[in-house]
Amino acid sequence: MEAPGGTVSRAVREHLRQLCLREFPCGLGSWNKSRFLPRTSRPWRELIPREEEAVGAGEETEEALLGLVRSPHSPWARLEELSKEDCFLRELAIQNPLMLNDSFFYSYFRSLRVVDKEVSLVDRDLLKFMNLEELILSANRIKEVDAANLPPTLKVLELYGNAITSMECLCTHPPPGLQHLGLGHNKLLGPLESQYVTSKHWPSLVSLDLGFNNLMDLQSMLASLCSLRQLRLLVLQGNPLALVPYYRGFTIDSLASLCVLDDITVSPNEKHQFRGLSLSGDLLACEAQLVVTIGNVTGVLDTSVLDPEPGPEGPFITYSYYVTYDFVEDEAGEGNEYGGVLAQIVKPSEALPEWLPAEGSEDAEESLESSVESGELEESAASGASAALPGSLDSAEALATLRPRIDPRLCPSPGTVLFSTVHKPWADIITCNYEMQHILKDLVPLKAFLLAGTTVTIVEEKILSWPVQPPAVESNLTARKGKADKDKKGKKEKEKGKEEKEKKKKEPLRELRQDPPVLQVLGHGLVALEPLLMGEPLVSTVCNFGVVRTLESDKLTSARDAKNKKTVKKGKQQPEAAADEDDHQPAPLTVQVQVQLSQCRSAEEALQAFAASPPPDP
């Protein structure tokens, strides 16, 4: 039975059918039949019409038919979607349609390109193509390839974007003269894959592309690749093994004959800088190092100017602003504590946390907002620490149930940890000065995280404070005592009044109680980190969330600042604001974000980085 999605030979037949090689203006028909009808006395060599033969009535000349498939204005021309081989076949179907039989096709094709045709099986009929040298089967549904069905004449084999999990299937009967093998964007995983990239299986291999798989063990992979004496071009970027700082230098020093690594030419200077690094492979830690930097935040709306003046009984309102981002958690690195963790890890297997209020409760929304961030921030050397949630959020399904009650932009994605900068008061330019180094040993989840990117969010925290009222019992006792003293010491009433006034002046500030924080997301957006997998060492961007400030709010802020400084009078400020009203353009809400992947530039730097790293846990 034919596999779902079809076979390669079926896709080739369907492609030939779509070329319409037996339909007008190609093939045989009433438009050219008199030129190809056999005669009893003519051998088969004379089936091809001679130039002097006249064209029958109602038929087209060969030149006219060729013009229909060559002219860009013809409805039968498909010049943009056809390859050179396809165009040649269509012209041949006009010039000599009797040649187009199965034996011709199997001997004619030297290159087959079957891309995105939902092919799932490389069938045995492919062996009929006797002169096939190039086979491109990218973007299909192939999970395994029976190498016995590959023509032995193959020199190029591309299987990009399929679902191949191991190269073992290709090594049973590999084409002996294969020079290029492309297996990028598949699902190769496991330490055993290195045993399938040796000269035993690919003695003539010049170019190998294994990019964007899940290969982990760099040292064992390079130990096998050393046996490929003809290898000159190698692509390993996009694999977890390429995220370690010493990846490029270690690869260059291990493969002395390599000319191009990850589409970048290997220079003599690089070979000199990384000389000897391959001899120290056992000393190098298999971990990735990334540094996240968050710079200035601009364009934040000063919400405090829109609040009314607080009365003697409150509420007294304070605002602070901070930036959050999510980053993958390193399950392999035990005891790795971050100074900037805001929320706990989100794991798909955990149940809903008990701290979440039930639906329909009166304080559900307020409790959720206060639970997002409980406790005060404390500055740390890295950037500032913040309290963790009392429980961890659930999987995507659980997050979906929470969306009606909590802003999902304040929840980390499954498998990640939420990090926060230090809370800062409002300013035209809020300087975060945040820098956090992430050292991760579990590289497969890191690769998946970099493909997905990180979400950066600017949050406003609003806290209402109220004066604490003294207990009622204490006031009653004071009243009784005052009455008794009045009866006994009436003469000293005036002196006591004076003492009480002086006491009130020296009385300390009243104690305040705080309501749970009210959080508001001012802006959030995705920062793409895929360039780090493509070989770029740094992703630097300015997230622009649009304009949130208004002319009225900026006027109120300017008036408040002028009043506080006492440098500008109110009468002079209003005309000045009116004059700038037409030209007023509030700055957009932005935040500067950088994510840098550490890369060693020399063998000495790689060894120094290892010496400076902490020893592994016993």
Foldseek 3Di string as FASTA:
>chain_A
DADPLGEPVVLVVVVVVVLPQCDPPFNDDPQAPVLQDDDPPDDPVPSQGDPPDDGDPPHDDLVVRLCLQPPPPHPSHDPVPDDPVSNVSSSCRSRPVVQPDPLCVLAPDQEDAAAQSQHAAHDLCLQSNANHAYYAYEHHAHAAYQLVSHHLNYAYYAHHHYAHAACPNCQPQHNANHAEYHHDHYAHDDPVRLVNQACVRHQRYAEYEHAQYAYQDLLSNLVRNQRNLNHAYYEHFNYLQCQAQARVLLNCQSRVRYQYYLNHGDDPVSNVQSHPLVVCVVLFAQKWKKKKWWWKWAQDFPCVLVDDDADPFDFDKFKWKKKKKKAADAPVDPPDDWQFFQEDAEAAPDDADPQQDDPPDPCRLVSVQLQSFDDAWAQDPQFIHGDYGPDAAHAPVRLVVCVVRDPSLSHDHHRITMGMGHIHGDDNMDTRRHMDMDMHNPRSVNSVDLQVFMKMWMKMKMKIKGFDDDDPVVVVVVVVVVVVCCVVPVVCVVVVVVVVVVCVVVDDDTDIDIRRIHMDTPFMDGQRRCVVSSVDFKDKDKDFGFRDYDLVSVLSVVVVVCVVVVPDDPVVSVVVSVVCVVVDDRDTTIMIMMMGINHDSGSVSSSVVSVPDDDDDD
